[in-house]
């Protein structure tokens, strides 16, 4: 079994400059509980 079969293709991401209020809205609207933080096309963290 390969990762490609299980991965999410359209990933919602945020930037380090985004506010917690903005991210809270994303969590609510997208019904998600985690979001990767991306800077210069690299994952630099995750908000949970």
N, C-alpha and C. Protein backbone atom coordinates (compact mmCIF):
# COMPACT_ATOMS: atom_id res chain seq x y z
N UNK A 1 0.85 -1.16 0.00
CA UNK A 1 0.00 0.00 0.00
C UNK A 1 0.91 1.24 0.00
N UNK A 2 0.59 2.20 -0.85
CA UNK A 2 1.42 3.40 -0.95
C UNK A 2 0.68 4.62 -0.39
N UNK A 3 1.46 5.58 0.06
CA UNK A 3 0.90 6.79 0.69
C UNK A 3 -0.02 7.54 -0.26
N UNK A 4 0.29 7.56 -1.53
CA UNK A 4 -0.52 8.30 -2.50
C UNK A 4 -1.99 7.91 -2.43
N UNK A 5 -2.28 6.67 -2.10
CA UNK A 5 -3.65 6.20 -2.02
C UNK A 5 -4.39 6.73 -0.79
N UNK A 6 -3.68 7.25 0.20
CA UNK A 6 -4.28 7.69 1.45
C UNK A 6 -4.13 9.18 1.72
N UNK A 7 -3.29 9.86 0.96
CA UNK A 7 -2.99 11.26 1.27
C UNK A 7 -4.11 12.20 0.82
N UNK A 8 -4.14 13.35 1.42
CA UNK A 8 -5.06 14.42 1.04
C UNK A 8 -4.37 15.28 -0.01
N UNK A 9 -5.03 15.51 -1.13
CA UNK A 9 -4.40 16.25 -2.22
C UNK A 9 -4.60 17.76 -2.09
N UNK A 10 -5.78 18.19 -1.71
CA UNK A 10 -6.08 19.62 -1.60
C UNK A 10 -5.98 20.04 -0.13
N UNK A 11 -4.78 20.28 0.31
CA UNK A 11 -4.53 20.58 1.72
C UNK A 11 -4.73 22.07 1.99
N UNK A 12 -5.49 22.36 3.03
CA UNK A 12 -5.65 23.74 3.48
C UNK A 12 -4.44 24.07 4.34
N UNK A 13 -3.80 25.20 4.06
CA UNK A 13 -2.64 25.62 4.83
C UNK A 13 -2.82 27.06 5.31
N UNK A 14 -2.01 27.43 6.29
CA UNK A 14 -1.98 28.81 6.78
C UNK A 14 -0.54 29.27 6.80
N UNK A 15 -0.36 30.57 6.98
CA UNK A 15 1.00 31.12 7.07
C UNK A 15 1.27 31.53 8.52
N UNK A 16 2.54 31.70 8.88
CA UNK A 16 2.87 32.11 10.25
C UNK A 16 2.27 33.46 10.63
N UNK A 17 1.92 34.28 9.65
CA UNK A 17 1.36 35.60 9.93
C UNK A 17 -0.15 35.59 10.15
N UNK A 18 -0.82 34.48 9.87
CA UNK A 18 -2.27 34.42 10.04
C UNK A 18 -2.64 34.49 11.52
N UNK A 19 -3.82 35.04 11.80
CA UNK A 19 -4.27 35.17 13.19
C UNK A 19 -4.99 33.90 13.64
N UNK A 20 -5.05 33.73 14.96
CA UNK A 20 -5.79 32.59 15.50
C UNK A 20 -7.28 32.70 15.18
N UNK A 21 -7.82 33.91 15.12
CA UNK A 21 -9.23 34.08 14.73
C UNK A 21 -9.46 33.56 13.32
N UNK A 22 -8.57 33.89 12.40
CA UNK A 22 -8.68 33.43 11.02
C UNK A 22 -8.61 31.90 10.96
N UNK A 23 -7.67 31.33 11.69
CA UNK A 23 -7.51 29.87 11.69
C UNK A 23 -8.72 29.19 12.32
N UNK A 24 -9.29 29.79 13.36
CA UNK A 24 -10.50 29.25 13.97
C UNK A 24 -11.65 29.20 12.98
N UNK A 25 -11.76 30.23 12.15
CA UNK A 25 -12.79 30.24 11.10
C UNK A 25 -12.56 29.11 10.11
N UNK A 26 -11.32 28.88 9.74
CA UNK A 26 -11.00 27.79 8.82
C UNK A 26 -11.40 26.45 9.44
N UNK A 27 -11.05 26.25 10.71
CA UNK A 27 -11.41 25.00 11.40
C UNK A 27 -12.92 24.78 11.34
N UNK A 28 -13.67 25.83 11.62
CA UNK A 28 -15.13 25.70 11.65
C UNK A 28 -15.72 25.46 10.26
N UNK A 29 -15.30 26.26 9.29
CA UNK A 29 -15.87 26.16 7.94
C UNK A 29 -15.48 24.86 7.25
N UNK A 30 -14.24 24.43 7.43
CA UNK A 30 -13.76 23.24 6.73
C UNK A 30 -13.96 21.96 7.55
N UNK A 31 -14.46 22.12 8.78
CA UNK A 31 -14.66 20.97 9.66
C UNK A 31 -13.37 20.16 9.83
N UNK A 32 -12.29 20.88 10.14
CA UNK A 32 -11.00 20.23 10.38
C UNK A 32 -10.50 20.64 11.76
N UNK A 33 -9.49 19.91 12.26
CA UNK A 33 -8.95 20.22 13.58
C UNK A 33 -7.44 20.46 13.57
N UNK A 34 -6.84 20.33 12.41
CA UNK A 34 -5.40 20.57 12.27
C UNK A 34 -5.14 21.26 10.95
N UNK A 35 -4.13 22.12 10.94
CA UNK A 35 -3.77 22.79 9.69
C UNK A 35 -2.26 23.03 9.69
N UNK A 36 -1.60 22.66 8.57
CA UNK A 36 -0.16 22.91 8.49
C UNK A 36 0.14 24.40 8.28
N UNK A 37 1.24 24.84 8.87
CA UNK A 37 1.72 26.20 8.69
C UNK A 37 2.85 26.14 7.67
N UNK A 38 2.71 26.92 6.58
CA UNK A 38 3.67 26.87 5.48
C UNK A 38 4.31 28.24 5.28
N UNK A 39 5.64 28.24 5.10
CA UNK A 39 6.40 29.46 4.84
C UNK A 39 7.45 29.13 3.79
N UNK A 40 7.47 29.93 2.72
CA UNK A 40 8.40 29.68 1.61
C UNK A 40 8.30 28.25 1.07
N UNK A 41 7.07 27.78 0.90
CA UNK A 41 6.78 26.46 0.34
C UNK A 41 7.28 25.31 1.22
N UNK A 42 7.53 25.56 2.50
CA UNK A 42 7.97 24.51 3.42
C UNK A 42 7.05 24.49 4.63
N UNK A 43 6.72 23.29 5.08
CA UNK A 43 5.94 23.16 6.31
C UNK A 43 6.84 23.50 7.48
N UNK A 44 6.42 24.50 8.26
CA UNK A 44 7.22 24.93 9.41
C UNK A 44 6.53 24.63 10.74
N UNK A 45 5.31 24.09 10.67
CA UNK A 45 4.60 23.76 11.90
C UNK A 45 3.19 23.29 11.61
N UNK A 46 2.44 23.09 12.68
CA UNK A 46 1.04 22.68 12.56
C UNK A 46 0.27 23.30 13.72
N UNK A 47 -0.95 23.75 13.44
CA UNK A 47 -1.83 24.28 14.47
C UNK A 47 -2.89 23.22 14.73
N UNK A 48 -3.09 22.88 16.01
CA UNK A 48 -4.07 21.85 16.36
C UNK A 48 -5.08 22.41 17.34
